[in-house]
Amino acid sequence: MAQRTALKAFEVDYEVQRRNYQRKRDLAYSILKDGFRVEEPQGSFYIFPEAPQQDASAFFERAREAGVLIIPGKDFSARNSHFRISFAVEDGILQRGLETLLHLV
Protein backbone atom coordinates (compact mmCIF):
# COMPACT_ATOMS: atom_id res chain seq x y z
CA MET A 1 0.00 0.00 0.00
CA ALA A 2 2.78 2.48 0.87
CA GLN A 3 4.55 1.83 -2.43
CA ARG A 4 1.36 2.50 -4.42
CA THR A 5 0.82 5.70 -2.47
CA ALA A 6 4.41 6.80 -3.13
CA LEU A 7 3.96 6.20 -6.86
CA LYS A 8 0.81 8.37 -6.86
CA ALA A 9 2.83 11.23 -5.33
CA PHE A 10 4.89 11.37 -8.53
CA GLU A 11 1.70 12.17 -10.46
CA VAL A 12 0.96 15.34 -8.46
CA ASP A 13 2.16 18.67 -9.78
CA TYR A 14 3.77 20.56 -6.89
CA GLU A 15 4.92 23.53 -8.97
CA VAL A 16 2.38 25.96 -7.47
CA GLN A 17 3.46 25.04 -3.92
CA ARG A 18 7.14 25.24 -4.87
CA ARG A 19 6.73 28.73 -6.32
CA ASN A 20 4.74 29.80 -3.26
CA TYR A 21 7.48 28.67 -0.87
CA GLN A 22 10.15 30.23 -3.05
CA ARG A 23 8.29 33.56 -2.91
CA LYS A 24 7.99 33.31 0.90
CA ARG A 25 11.69 32.42 1.14
CA ASP A 26 12.58 35.43 -0.98
CA LEU A 27 10.41 37.68 1.19
CA ALA A 28 11.95 36.40 4.43
CA TYR A 29 15.50 36.71 3.12
CA SER A 30 14.98 40.17 1.63
CA ILE A 31 13.65 41.53 4.93
CA LEU A 32 16.05 39.78 7.30
CA LYS A 33 19.27 40.43 5.37
CA ASP A 34 19.04 44.12 6.28
CA GLY A 35 19.30 43.45 10.02
CA PHE A 36 20.74 39.98 10.51
CA ARG A 37 23.57 37.82 9.25
CA VAL A 38 21.65 35.22 7.28
CA GLU A 39 22.11 32.92 4.32
CA GLU A 40 19.41 32.39 1.74
CA PRO A 41 17.78 28.96 2.23
CA GLN A 42 18.21 26.60 -0.70
CA GLY A 43 15.36 24.14 -0.20
CA SER A 44 13.48 24.37 3.07
CA PHE A 45 10.50 26.10 4.65
CA TYR A 46 12.56 27.92 7.26
CA ILE A 47 15.38 30.42 7.54
CA PHE A 48 18.16 30.35 10.17
CA PRO A 49 19.51 33.88 10.95
CA GLU A 50 22.17 34.72 13.49
CA ALA A 51 20.77 36.25 16.66
CA PRO A 52 21.92 39.62 17.97
CA GLN A 53 24.93 39.16 20.27
CA GLN A 54 24.81 35.50 19.12
CA ASP A 55 22.35 34.63 21.92
CA ALA A 56 19.24 33.08 20.41
CA SER A 57 17.71 32.23 23.79
CA ALA A 58 17.73 35.87 24.89
CA PHE A 59 16.44 37.01 21.50
CA PHE A 60 13.71 34.35 21.66
CA GLU A 61 12.43 35.95 24.88
CA ARG A 62 12.37 39.43 23.34
CA ALA A 63 10.60 38.11 20.23
CA ARG A 64 8.05 36.20 22.34
CA GLU A 65 7.28 39.33 24.33
CA ALA A 66 6.72 41.15 21.01
CA GLY A 67 4.31 38.42 19.87
CA VAL A 68 6.61 36.64 17.39
CA LEU A 69 7.43 32.95 17.64
CA ILE A 70 10.97 31.95 16.73
CA ILE A 71 12.86 28.86 17.84
CA PRO A 72 16.36 29.08 19.33
CA GLY A 73 18.92 27.25 17.23
CA LYS A 74 19.89 25.03 20.13
CA ASP A 75 16.57 23.19 19.62
CA PHE A 76 17.76 22.07 16.16
CA SER A 77 21.54 22.17 16.33
CA ALA A 78 24.47 22.84 18.62
CA ARG A 79 24.30 26.56 17.74
CA ASN A 80 22.47 28.83 20.17
CA SER A 81 23.88 31.68 18.10
CA HIS A 82 21.07 31.33 15.52
CA PHE A 83 17.31 31.03 15.52
CA ARG A 84 14.81 29.38 13.21
CA ILE A 85 11.81 30.99 11.55
CA SER A 86 9.30 28.99 9.55
CA PHE A 87 7.93 30.83 6.55
CA ALA A 88 5.09 28.33 6.15
CA VAL A 89 2.53 30.93 7.26
CA GLU A 90 0.22 33.45 5.58
CA ASP A 91 2.13 36.24 3.86
CA GLY A 92 0.80 39.06 6.03
CA ILE A 93 1.67 37.24 9.24
CA LEU A 94 5.14 36.47 7.90
CA GLN A 95 5.82 40.06 6.89
CA ARG A 96 4.58 41.53 10.19
CA GLY A 97 6.63 39.05 12.19
CA LEU A 98 9.81 39.69 10.21
CA GLU A 99 9.43 43.46 10.48
CA THR A 100 8.87 43.12 14.23
CA LEU A 101 12.11 41.14 14.52
CA LEU A 102 13.98 43.88 12.67
CA HIS A 103 12.78 46.41 15.23
CA LEU A 104 14.16 44.23 18.04
CA VAL A 105 17.72 44.37 16.70
PDB file of N, CA and C in Angstrom:
ATOM      1  N   MET A   1       0.829  -1.178   0.000  1.00  0.00           N
ATOM      2  CA  MET A   1       0.000   0.000   0.000  1.00  0.00           C
ATOM      3  C   MET A   1       0.886   1.259   0.000  1.00  0.00           C
ATOM      4  N   ALA A   2       1.921   1.295   0.803  1.00  0.00           N
ATOM      5  CA  ALA A   2       2.781   2.480   0.873  1.00  0.00           C
ATOM      6  C   ALA A   2       3.478   2.722  -0.460  1.00  0.00           C
ATOM      7  N   GLN A   3       3.874   1.670  -1.141  1.00  0.00           N
ATOM      8  CA  GLN A   3       4.549   1.833  -2.426  1.00  0.00           C
ATOM      9  C   GLN A   3       3.594   2.393  -3.478  1.00  0.00           C
ATOM     10  N   ARG A   4       2.350   1.951  -3.474  1.00  0.00           N
ATOM     11  CA  ARG A   4       1.363   2.504  -4.421  1.00  0.00           C
ATOM     12  C   ARG A   4       1.104   3.977  -4.127  1.00  0.00           C
ATOM     13  N   THR A   5       1.023   4.301  -2.868  1.00  0.00           N
ATOM     14  CA  THR A   5       0.821   5.697  -2.473  1.00  0.00           C
ATOM     15  C   THR A   5       2.006   6.553  -2.911  1.00  0.00           C
ATOM     16  N   ALA A   6       3.208   6.062  -2.714  1.00  0.00           N
ATOM     17  CA  ALA A   6       4.407   6.802  -3.129  1.00  0.00           C
ATOM     18  C   ALA A   6       4.410   7.022  -4.635  1.00  0.00           C
ATOM     19  N   LEU A   7       4.009   6.047  -5.399  1.00  0.00           N
ATOM     20  CA  LEU A   7       3.960   6.199  -6.859  1.00  0.00           C
ATOM     21  C   LEU A   7       2.947   7.266  -7.262  1.00  0.00           C
ATOM     22  N   LYS A   8       1.826   7.346  -6.557  1.00  0.00           N
ATOM     23  CA  LYS A   8       0.813   8.372  -6.855  1.00  0.00           C
ATOM     24  C   LYS A   8       1.375   9.779  -6.614  1.00  0.00           C
ATOM     25  N   ALA A   9       2.256   9.920  -5.632  1.00  0.00           N
ATOM     26  CA  ALA A   9       2.834  11.230  -5.332  1.00  0.00           C
ATOM     27  C   ALA A   9       3.604  11.781  -6.525  1.00  0.00           C
ATOM     28  N   PHE A  10       4.171  10.923  -7.346  1.00  0.00           N
ATOM     29  CA  PHE A  10       4.893  11.374  -8.534  1.00  0.00           C
ATOM     30  C   PHE A  10       3.962  11.942  -9.605  1.00  0.00           C
ATOM     31  N   GLU A  11       2.671  11.681  -9.486  1.00  0.00           N
ATOM     32  CA  GLU A  11       1.701  12.170 -10.461  1.00  0.00           C
ATOM     33  C   GLU A  11       1.160  13.553 -10.106  1.00  0.00           C
ATOM     34  N   VAL A  12       1.468  14.041  -8.931  1.00  0.00           N
ATOM     35  CA  VAL A  12       0.962  15.339  -8.460  1.00  0.00           C
ATOM     36  C   VAL A  12       1.922  16.438  -8.901  1.00  0.00           C
ATOM     37  N   ASP A  13       1.353  17.520  -9.388  1.00  0.00           N
ATOM     38  CA  ASP A  13       2.162  18.675  -9.783  1.00  0.00           C
ATOM     39  C   ASP A  13       2.298  19.615  -8.584  1.00  0.00           C
ATOM     40  N   TYR A  14       3.498  19.737  -8.061  1.00  0.00           N
ATOM     41  CA  TYR A  14       3.768  20.563  -6.894  1.00  0.00           C
ATOM     42  C   TYR A  14       4.336  21.929  -7.265  1.00  0.00           C
ATOM     43  N   GLU A  15       4.292  22.291  -8.521  1.00  0.00           N
ATOM     44  CA  GLU A  15       4.916  23.532  -8.973  1.00  0.00           C
ATOM     45  C   GLU A  15       4.316  24.767  -8.296  1.00  0.00           C
ATOM     46  N   VAL A  16       3.019  24.801  -8.115  1.00  0.00           N
ATOM     47  CA  VAL A  16       2.385  25.956  -7.472  1.00  0.00           C
ATOM     48  C   VAL A  16       2.892  26.099  -6.038  1.00  0.00           C
ATOM     49  N   GLN A  17       2.957  24.991  -5.287  1.00  0.00           N
ATOM     50  CA  GLN A  17       3.456  25.042  -3.921  1.00  0.00           C
ATOM     51  C   GLN A  17       4.937  25.428  -3.891  1.00  0.00           C
ATOM     52  N   ARG A  18       5.722  24.918  -4.829  1.00  0.00           N
ATOM     53  CA  ARG A  18       7.145  25.235  -4.873  1.00  0.00           C
ATOM     54  C   ARG A  18       7.352  26.729  -5.096  1.00  0.00           C
ATOM     55  N   ARG A  19       6.619  27.286  -6.050  1.00  0.00           N
ATOM     56  CA  ARG A  19       6.734  28.726  -6.317  1.00  0.00           C
ATOM     57  C   ARG A  19       6.278  29.551  -5.117  1.00  0.00           C
ATOM     58  N   ASN A  20       5.242  29.105  -4.439  1.00  0.00           N
ATOM     59  CA  ASN A  20       4.741  29.805  -3.262  1.00  0.00           C
ATOM     60  C   ASN A  20       5.796  29.836  -2.157  1.00  0.00           C
ATOM     61  N   TYR A  21       6.429  28.705  -1.891  1.00  0.00           N
ATOM     62  CA  TYR A  21       7.476  28.668  -0.869  1.00  0.00           C
ATOM     63  C   TYR A  21       8.712  29.453  -1.304  1.00  0.00           C
ATOM     64  N   GLN A  22       9.016  29.449  -2.569  1.00  0.00           N
ATOM     65  CA  GLN A  22      10.154  30.234  -3.052  1.00  0.00           C
ATOM     66  C   GLN A  22       9.884  31.723  -2.852  1.00  0.00           C
ATOM     67  N   ARG A  23       8.664  32.155  -3.112  1.00  0.00           N
ATOM     68  CA  ARG A  23       8.288  33.555  -2.911  1.00  0.00           C
ATOM     69  C   ARG A  23       8.397  33.934  -1.429  1.00  0.00           C
ATOM     70  N   LYS A  24       7.908  33.062  -0.547  1.00  0.00           N
ATOM     71  CA  LYS A  24       7.993  33.311   0.895  1.00  0.00           C
ATOM     72  C   LYS A  24       9.448  33.332   1.355  1.00  0.00           C
ATOM     73  N   ARG A  25      10.265  32.428   0.815  1.00  0.00           N
ATOM     74  CA  ARG A  25      11.689  32.418   1.143  1.00  0.00           C
ATOM     75  C   ARG A  25      12.332  33.733   0.735  1.00  0.00           C
ATOM     76  N   ASP A  26      12.019  34.177  -0.484  1.00  0.00           N
ATOM     77  CA  ASP A  26      12.582  35.431  -0.979  1.00  0.00           C
ATOM     78  C   ASP A  26      12.156  36.613  -0.120  1.00  0.00           C
ATOM     79  N   LEU A  27      10.901  36.620   0.320  1.00  0.00           N
ATOM     80  CA  LEU A  27      10.407  37.682   1.191  1.00  0.00           C
ATOM     81  C   LEU A  27      11.162  37.676   2.522  1.00  0.00           C
ATOM     82  N   ALA A  28      11.265  36.505   3.138  1.00  0.00           N
ATOM     83  CA  ALA A  28      11.950  36.403   4.428  1.00  0.00           C
ATOM     84  C   ALA A  28      13.408  36.838   4.299  1.00  0.00           C
ATOM     85  N   TYR A  29      14.082  36.361   3.285  1.00  0.00           N
ATOM     86  CA  TYR A  29      15.496  36.707   3.116  1.00  0.00           C
ATOM     87  C   TYR A  29      15.668  38.201   2.848  1.00  0.00           C
ATOM     88  N   SER A  30      14.822  38.764   1.992  1.00  0.00           N
ATOM     89  CA  SER A  30      14.982  40.174   1.633  1.00  0.00           C
ATOM     90  C   SER A  30      14.765  41.091   2.836  1.00  0.00           C
ATOM     91  N   ILE A  31      13.885  40.716   3.739  1.00  0.00           N
ATOM     92  CA  ILE A  31      13.648  41.530   4.933  1.00  0.00           C
ATOM     93  C   ILE A  31      14.750  41.315   5.965  1.00  0.00           C
ATOM     94  N   LEU A  32      15.095  40.081   6.228  1.00  0.00           N
ATOM     95  CA  LEU A  32      16.049  39.781   7.301  1.00  0.00           C
ATOM     96  C   LEU A  32      17.477  40.176   6.977  1.00  0.00           C
ATOM     97  N   LYS A  33      17.866  40.154   5.729  1.00  0.00           N
ATOM     98  CA  LYS A  33      19.270  40.428   5.374  1.00  0.00           C
ATOM     99  C   LYS A  33      19.687  41.858   5.736  1.00  0.00           C
ATOM    100  N   ASP A  34      18.723  42.734   5.917  1.00  0.00           N
ATOM    101  CA  ASP A  34      19.041  44.117   6.279  1.00  0.00           C
ATOM    102  C   ASP A  34      19.365  44.297   7.764  1.00  0.00           C
ATOM    103  N   GLY A  35      19.054  43.298   8.592  1.00  0.00           N
ATOM    104  CA  GLY A  35      19.300  43.451  10.018  1.00  0.00           C
ATOM    105  C   GLY A  35      20.020  42.286  10.670  1.00  0.00           C
ATOM    106  N   PHE A  36      20.150  41.185   9.937  1.00  0.00           N
ATOM    107  CA  PHE A  36      20.745  39.979  10.514  1.00  0.00           C
ATOM    108  C   PHE A  36      21.760  39.381   9.547  1.00  0.00           C
ATOM    109  N   ARG A  37      22.712  38.655  10.086  1.00  0.00           N
ATOM    110  CA  ARG A  37      23.569  37.815   9.253  1.00  0.00           C
ATOM    111  C   ARG A  37      22.754  36.568   8.947  1.00  0.00           C
ATOM    112  N   VAL A  38      22.518  36.338   7.668  1.00  0.00           N
ATOM    113  CA  VAL A  38      21.652  35.222   7.279  1.00  0.00           C
ATOM    114  C   VAL A  38      22.020  34.757   5.872  1.00  0.00           C
ATOM    115  N   GLU A  39      21.898  33.470   5.649  1.00  0.00           N
ATOM    116  CA  GLU A  39      22.106  32.915   4.324  1.00  0.00           C
ATOM    117  C   GLU A  39      20.751  32.575   3.724  1.00  0.00           C
ATOM    118  N   GLU A  40      20.657  32.717   2.425  1.00  0.00           N
ATOM    119  CA  GLU A  40      19.408  32.390   1.741  1.00  0.00           C
ATOM    120  C   GLU A  40      19.198  30.877   1.742  1.00  0.00           C
ATOM    121  N   PRO A  41      18.061  30.405   2.243  1.00  0.00           N
ATOM    122  CA  PRO A  41      17.782  28.963   2.233  1.00  0.00           C
ATOM    123  C   PRO A  41      17.742  28.428   0.799  1.00  0.00           C
ATOM    124  N   GLN A  42      18.150  27.191   0.637  1.00  0.00           N
ATOM    125  CA  GLN A  42      18.206  26.604  -0.702  1.00  0.00           C
ATOM    126  C   GLN A  42      17.208  25.478  -0.920  1.00  0.00           C
ATOM    127  N   GLY A  43      16.330  25.211   0.036  1.00  0.00           N
ATOM    128  CA  GLY A  43      15.363  24.143  -0.202  1.00  0.00           C
ATOM    129  C   GLY A  43      14.615  23.739   1.046  1.00  0.00           C
ATOM    130  N   SER A  44      14.205  24.690   1.837  1.00  0.00           N
ATOM    131  CA  SER A  44      13.484  24.371   3.070  1.00  0.00           C
ATOM    132  C   SER A  44      12.342  25.364   3.253  1.00  0.00           C
ATOM    133  N   PHE A  45      11.615  25.207   4.320  1.00  0.00           N
ATOM    134  CA  PHE A  45      10.503  26.101   4.646  1.00  0.00           C
ATOM    135  C   PHE A  45      10.850  26.987   5.836  1.00  0.00           C
ATOM    136  N   TYR A  46      12.128  27.082   6.149  1.00  0.00           N
ATOM    137  CA  TYR A  46      12.556  27.920   7.262  1.00  0.00           C
ATOM    138  C   TYR A  46      13.856  28.628   6.905  1.00  0.00           C
ATOM    139  N   ILE A  47      14.158  29.652   7.705  1.00  0.00           N
ATOM    140  CA  ILE A  47      15.381  30.422   7.541  1.00  0.00           C
ATOM    141  C   ILE A  47      16.057  30.464   8.913  1.00  0.00           C
ATOM    142  N   PHE A  48      17.383  30.557   8.943  1.00  0.00           N
ATOM    143  CA  PHE A  48      18.161  30.350  10.173  1.00  0.00           C
ATOM    144  C   PHE A  48      19.131  31.509  10.386  1.00  0.00           C
ATOM    145  N   PRO A  49      18.626  32.707  10.754  1.00  0.00           N
ATOM    146  CA  PRO A  49      19.507  33.875  10.945  1.00  0.00           C
ATOM    147  C   PRO A  49      20.320  33.800  12.242  1.00  0.00           C
ATOM    148  N   GLU A  50      21.375  34.585  12.275  1.00  0.00           N
ATOM    149  CA  GLU A  50      22.172  34.715  13.488  1.00  0.00           C
ATOM    150  C   GLU A  50      21.495  35.726  14.402  1.00  0.00           C
ATOM    151  N   ALA A  51      21.413  35.378  15.670  1.00  0.00           N
ATOM    152  CA  ALA A  51      20.768  36.247  16.659  1.00  0.00           C
ATOM    153  C   ALA A  51      21.689  37.400  17.041  1.00  0.00           C
ATOM    154  N   PRO A  52      21.104  38.528  17.445  1.00  0.00           N
ATOM    155  CA  PRO A  52      21.922  39.621  17.972  1.00  0.00           C
ATOM    156  C   PRO A  52      22.751  39.133  19.161  1.00  0.00           C
ATOM    157  N   GLN A  53      23.980  39.577  19.238  1.00  0.00           N
ATOM    158  CA  GLN A  53      24.927  39.157  20.274  1.00  0.00           C
ATOM    159  C   GLN A  53      25.087  37.629  20.311  1.00  0.00           C
ATOM    160  N   GLN A  54      24.702  36.959  19.248  1.00  0.00           N
ATOM    161  CA  GLN A  54      24.806  35.498  19.115  1.00  0.00           C
ATOM    162  C   GLN A  54      24.171  34.753  20.287  1.00  0.00           C
ATOM    163  N   ASP A  55      23.065  35.264  20.808  1.00  0.00           N
ATOM    164  CA  ASP A  55      22.353  34.629  21.918  1.00  0.00           C
ATOM    165  C   ASP A  55      20.889  34.452  21.525  1.00  0.00           C
ATOM    166  N   ALA A  56      20.587  33.315  20.906  1.00  0.00           N
ATOM    167  CA  ALA A  56      19.236  33.076  20.408  1.00  0.00           C
ATOM    168  C   ALA A  56      18.223  32.912  21.535  1.00  0.00           C
ATOM    169  N   SER A  57      18.645  32.395  22.672  1.00  0.00           N
ATOM    170  CA  SER A  57      17.706  32.229  23.786  1.00  0.00           C
ATOM    171  C   SER A  57      17.216  33.580  24.295  1.00  0.00           C
ATOM    172  N   ALA A  58      18.120  34.529  24.444  1.00  0.00           N
ATOM    173  CA  ALA A  58      17.732  35.869  24.886  1.00  0.00           C
ATOM    174  C   ALA A  58      16.868  36.552  23.836  1.00  0.00           C
ATOM    175  N   PHE A  59      17.223  36.395  22.565  1.00  0.00           N
ATOM    176  CA  PHE A  59      16.441  37.014  21.496  1.00  0.00           C
ATOM    177  C   PHE A  59      15.064  36.361  21.396  1.00  0.00           C
ATOM    178  N   PHE A  60      14.997  35.057  21.635  1.00  0.00           N
ATOM    179  CA  PHE A  60      13.712  34.349  21.658  1.00  0.00           C
ATOM    180  C   PHE A  60      12.768  35.007  22.660  1.00  0.00           C
ATOM    181  N   GLU A  61      13.268  35.321  23.852  1.00  0.00           N
ATOM    182  CA  GLU A  61      12.429  35.950  24.883  1.00  0.00           C
ATOM    183  C   GLU A  61      11.932  37.315  24.428  1.00  0.00           C
ATOM    184  N   ARG A  62      12.789  38.105  23.834  1.00  0.00           N
ATOM    185  CA  ARG A  62      12.372  39.426  23.343  1.00  0.00           C
ATOM    186  C   ARG A  62      11.334  39.285  22.231  1.00  0.00           C
ATOM    187  N   ALA A  63      11.555  38.331  21.333  1.00  0.00           N
ATOM    188  CA  ALA A  63      10.604  38.114  20.234  1.00  0.00           C
ATOM    189  C   ALA A  63       9.259  37.634  20.775  1.00  0.00           C
ATOM    190  N   ARG A  64       9.291  36.722  21.741  1.00  0.00           N
ATOM    191  CA  ARG A  64       8.052  36.203  22.336  1.00  0.00           C
ATOM    192  C   ARG A  64       7.261  37.332  22.982  1.00  0.00           C
ATOM    193  N   GLU A  65       7.956  38.199  23.695  1.00  0.00           N
ATOM    194  CA  GLU A  65       7.282  39.333  24.334  1.00  0.00           C
ATOM    195  C   GLU A  65       6.667  40.271  23.293  1.00  0.00           C
ATOM    196  N   ALA A  66       7.244  40.314  22.091  1.00  0.00           N
ATOM    197  CA  ALA A  66       6.719  41.150  21.007  1.00  0.00           C
ATOM    198  C   ALA A  66       5.666  40.411  20.185  1.00  0.00           C
ATOM    199  N   GLY A  67       5.356  39.175  20.550  1.00  0.00           N
ATOM    200  CA  GLY A  67       4.313  38.416  19.869  1.00  0.00           C
ATOM    201  C   GLY A  67       4.770  37.645  18.643  1.00  0.00           C
ATOM    202  N   VAL A  68       6.076  37.367  18.547  1.00  0.00           N
ATOM    203  CA  VAL A  68       6.614  36.641  17.392  1.00  0.00           C
ATOM    204  C   VAL A  68       7.251  35.347  17.884  1.00  0.00           C
ATOM    205  N   LEU A  69       6.865  34.239  17.261  1.00  0.00           N
ATOM    206  CA  LEU A  69       7.428  32.949  17.640  1.00  0.00           C
ATOM    207  C   LEU A  69       8.621  32.610  16.753  1.00  0.00           C
ATOM    208  N   ILE A  70       9.763  32.466  17.380  1.00  0.00           N
ATOM    209  CA  ILE A  70      10.966  31.952  16.735  1.00  0.00           C
ATOM    210  C   ILE A  70      11.442  30.792  17.602  1.00  0.00           C
ATOM    211  N   ILE A  71      12.336  29.992  17.078  1.00  0.00           N
ATOM    212  CA  ILE A  71      12.862  28.862  17.835  1.00  0.00           C
ATOM    213  C   ILE A  71      14.371  29.014  17.957  1.00  0.00           C
ATOM    214  N   PRO A  72      14.904  28.986  19.176  1.00  0.00           N
ATOM    215  CA  PRO A  72      16.358  29.081  19.326  1.00  0.00           C
ATOM    216  C   PRO A  72      17.049  27.940  18.581  1.00  0.00           C
ATOM    217  N   GLY A  73      18.189  28.240  18.002  1.00  0.00           N
ATOM    218  CA  GLY A  73      18.916  27.254  17.227  1.00  0.00           C
ATOM    219  C   GLY A  73      19.313  26.025  18.009  1.00  0.00           C
ATOM    220  N   LYS A  74      19.487  26.166  19.311  1.00  0.00           N
ATOM    221  CA  LYS A  74      19.889  25.026  20.131  1.00  0.00           C
ATOM    222  C   LYS A  74      18.841  23.914  20.116  1.00  0.00           C
ATOM    223  N   ASP A  75      17.606  24.222  19.716  1.00  0.00           N
ATOM    224  CA  ASP A  75      16.570  23.189  19.617  1.00  0.00           C
ATOM    225  C   ASP A  75      16.738  22.331  18.366  1.00  0.00           C
ATOM    226  N   PHE A  76      17.561  22.793  17.408  1.00  0.00           N
ATOM    227  CA  PHE A  76      17.760  22.068  16.157  1.00  0.00           C
ATOM    228  C   PHE A  76      19.213  21.744  15.869  1.00  0.00           C
ATOM    229  N   SER A  77      20.116  22.374  16.592  1.00  0.00           N
ATOM    230  CA  SER A  77      21.538  22.172  16.328  1.00  0.00           C
ATOM    231  C   SER A  77      22.324  22.499  17.594  1.00  0.00           C
ATOM    232  N   ALA A  78      23.623  22.489  17.483  1.00  0.00           N
ATOM    233  CA  ALA A  78      24.470  22.842  18.615  1.00  0.00           C
ATOM    234  C   ALA A  78      24.662  24.353  18.713  1.00  0.00           C
ATOM    235  N   ARG A  79      24.070  25.115  17.780  1.00  0.00           N
ATOM    236  CA  ARG A  79      24.295  26.561  17.736  1.00  0.00           C
ATOM    237  C   ARG A  79      23.158  27.336  18.407  1.00  0.00           C
ATOM    238  N   ASN A  80      23.433  27.923  19.555  1.00  0.00           N
ATOM    239  CA  ASN A  80      22.472  28.834  20.169  1.00  0.00           C
ATOM    240  C   ASN A  80      22.702  30.252  19.656  1.00  0.00           C
ATOM    241  N   SER A  81      23.582  30.375  18.676  1.00  0.00           N
ATOM    242  CA  SER A  81      23.878  31.678  18.098  1.00  0.00           C
ATOM    243  C   SER A  81      22.873  32.051  17.007  1.00  0.00           C
ATOM    244  N   HIS A  82      22.031  31.114  16.599  1.00  0.00           N
ATOM    245  CA  HIS A  82      21.071  31.326  15.519  1.00  0.00           C
ATOM    246  C   HIS A  82      19.664  30.988  16.002  1.00  0.00           C
ATOM    247  N   PHE A  83      18.692  31.386  15.221  1.00  0.00           N
ATOM    248  CA  PHE A  83      17.308  31.031  15.519  1.00  0.00           C
ATOM    249  C   PHE A  83      16.605  30.655  14.224  1.00  0.00           C
ATOM    250  N   ARG A  84      15.523  29.919  14.373  1.00  0.00           N
ATOM    251  CA  ARG A  84      14.814  29.377  13.213  1.00  0.00           C
ATOM    252  C   ARG A  84      13.449  30.042  13.089  1.00  0.00           C
ATOM    253  N   ILE A  85      13.121  30.418  11.859  1.00  0.00           N
ATOM    254  CA  ILE A  85      11.812  30.995  11.548  1.00  0.00           C
ATOM    255  C   ILE A  85      11.206  30.174  10.417  1.00  0.00           C
ATOM    256  N   SER A  86      10.017  29.662  10.630  1.00  0.00           N
ATOM    257  CA  SER A  86       9.299  28.986   9.550  1.00  0.00           C
ATOM    258  C   SER A  86       8.593  30.041   8.716  1.00  0.00           C
ATOM    259  N   PHE A  87       8.694  29.916   7.391  1.00  0.00           N
ATOM    260  CA  PHE A  87       7.931  30.834   6.554  1.00  0.00           C
ATOM    261  C   PHE A  87       6.723  30.129   5.938  1.00  0.00           C
ATOM    262  N   ALA A  88       6.273  29.060   6.592  1.00  0.00           N
ATOM    263  CA  ALA A  88       5.090  28.326   6.153  1.00  0.00           C
ATOM    264  C   ALA A  88       3.838  28.910   6.812  1.00  0.00           C
ATOM    265  N   VAL A  89       3.689  30.229   6.706  1.00  0.00           N
ATOM    266  CA  VAL A  89       2.529  30.928   7.260  1.00  0.00           C
ATOM    267  C   VAL A  89       1.979  31.887   6.201  1.00  0.00           C
ATOM    268  N   GLU A  90       0.841  32.468   6.488  1.00  0.00           N
ATOM    269  CA  GLU A  90       0.218  33.445   5.577  1.00  0.00           C
ATOM    270  C   GLU A  90       1.158  34.633   5.399  1.00  0.00           C
ATOM    271  N   ASP A  91       1.185  35.175   4.209  1.00  0.00           N
ATOM    272  CA  ASP A  91       2.135  36.236   3.862  1.00  0.00           C
ATOM    273  C   ASP A  91       2.089  37.433   4.803  1.00  0.00           C
ATOM    274  N   GLY A  92       0.919  37.892   5.154  1.00  0.00           N
ATOM    275  CA  GLY A  92       0.800  39.060   6.028  1.00  0.00           C
ATOM    276  C   GLY A  92       1.375  38.794   7.408  1.00  0.00           C
ATOM    277  N   ILE A  93       1.118  37.616   7.938  1.00  0.00           N
ATOM    278  CA  ILE A  93       1.672  37.236   9.244  1.00  0.00           C
ATOM    279  C   ILE A  93       3.185  37.170   9.159  1.00  0.00           C
ATOM    280  N   LEU A  94       3.690  36.577   8.092  1.00  0.00           N
ATOM    281  CA  LEU A  94       5.140  36.470   7.901  1.00  0.00           C
ATOM    282  C   LEU A  94       5.783  37.851   7.848  1.00  0.00           C
ATOM    283  N   GLN A  95       5.231  38.736   7.045  1.00  0.00           N
ATOM    284  CA  GLN A  95       5.818  40.064   6.892  1.00  0.00           C
ATOM    285  C   GLN A  95       5.793  40.844   8.203  1.00  0.00           C
ATOM    286  N   ARG A  96       4.670  40.824   8.907  1.00  0.00           N
ATOM    287  CA  ARG A  96       4.578  41.533  10.195  1.00  0.00           C
ATOM    288  C   ARG A  96       5.577  40.975  11.203  1.00  0.00           C
ATOM    289  N   GLY A  97       5.698  39.664  11.263  1.00  0.00           N
ATOM    290  CA  GLY A  97       6.633  39.053  12.194  1.00  0.00           C
ATOM    291  C   GLY A  97       8.073  39.409  11.881  1.00  0.00           C
ATOM    292  N   LEU A  98       8.438  39.368  10.609  1.00  0.00           N
ATOM    293  CA  LEU A  98       9.808  39.687  10.207  1.00  0.00           C
ATOM    294  C   LEU A  98      10.132  41.155  10.496  1.00  0.00           C
ATOM    295  N   GLU A  99       9.202  42.036  10.207  1.00  0.00           N
ATOM    296  CA  GLU A  99       9.426  43.458  10.484  1.00  0.00           C
ATOM    297  C   GLU A  99       9.538  43.722  11.980  1.00  0.00           C
ATOM    298  N   THR A 100       8.760  42.995  12.771  1.00  0.00           N
ATOM    299  CA  THR A 100       8.868  43.117  14.231  1.00  0.00           C
ATOM    300  C   THR A 100      10.254  42.694  14.689  1.00  0.00           C
ATOM    301  N   LEU A 101      10.758  41.593  14.148  1.00  0.00           N
ATOM    302  CA  LEU A 101      12.106  41.137  14.522  1.00  0.00           C
ATOM    303  C   LEU A 101      13.162  42.175  14.184  1.00  0.00           C
ATOM    304  N   LEU A 102      13.015  42.829  13.041  1.00  0.00           N
ATOM    305  CA  LEU A 102      13.982  43.876  12.671  1.00  0.00           C
ATOM    306  C   LEU A 102      14.003  45.008  13.685  1.00  0.00           C
ATOM    307  N   HIS A 103      12.854  45.329  14.231  1.00  0.00           N
ATOM    308  CA  HIS A 103      12.782  46.406  15.231  1.00  0.00           C
ATOM    309  C   HIS A 103      13.379  46.001  16.565  1.00  0.00           C
ATOM    310  N   LEU A 104      13.581  44.714  16.778  1.00  0.00           N
ATOM    311  CA  LEU A 104      14.164  44.230  18.041  1.00  0.00           C
ATOM    312  C   LEU A 104      15.690  44.215  18.005  1.00  0.00           C
ATOM    313  N   VAL A 105      16.257  44.415  16.834  1.00  0.00           N
ATOM    314  CA  VAL A 105      17.723  44.373  16.704  1.00  0.00           C
ATOM    315  C   VAL A 105      18.329  45.628  17.292  1.00  0.00           C
TER     316      VAL A 105
END
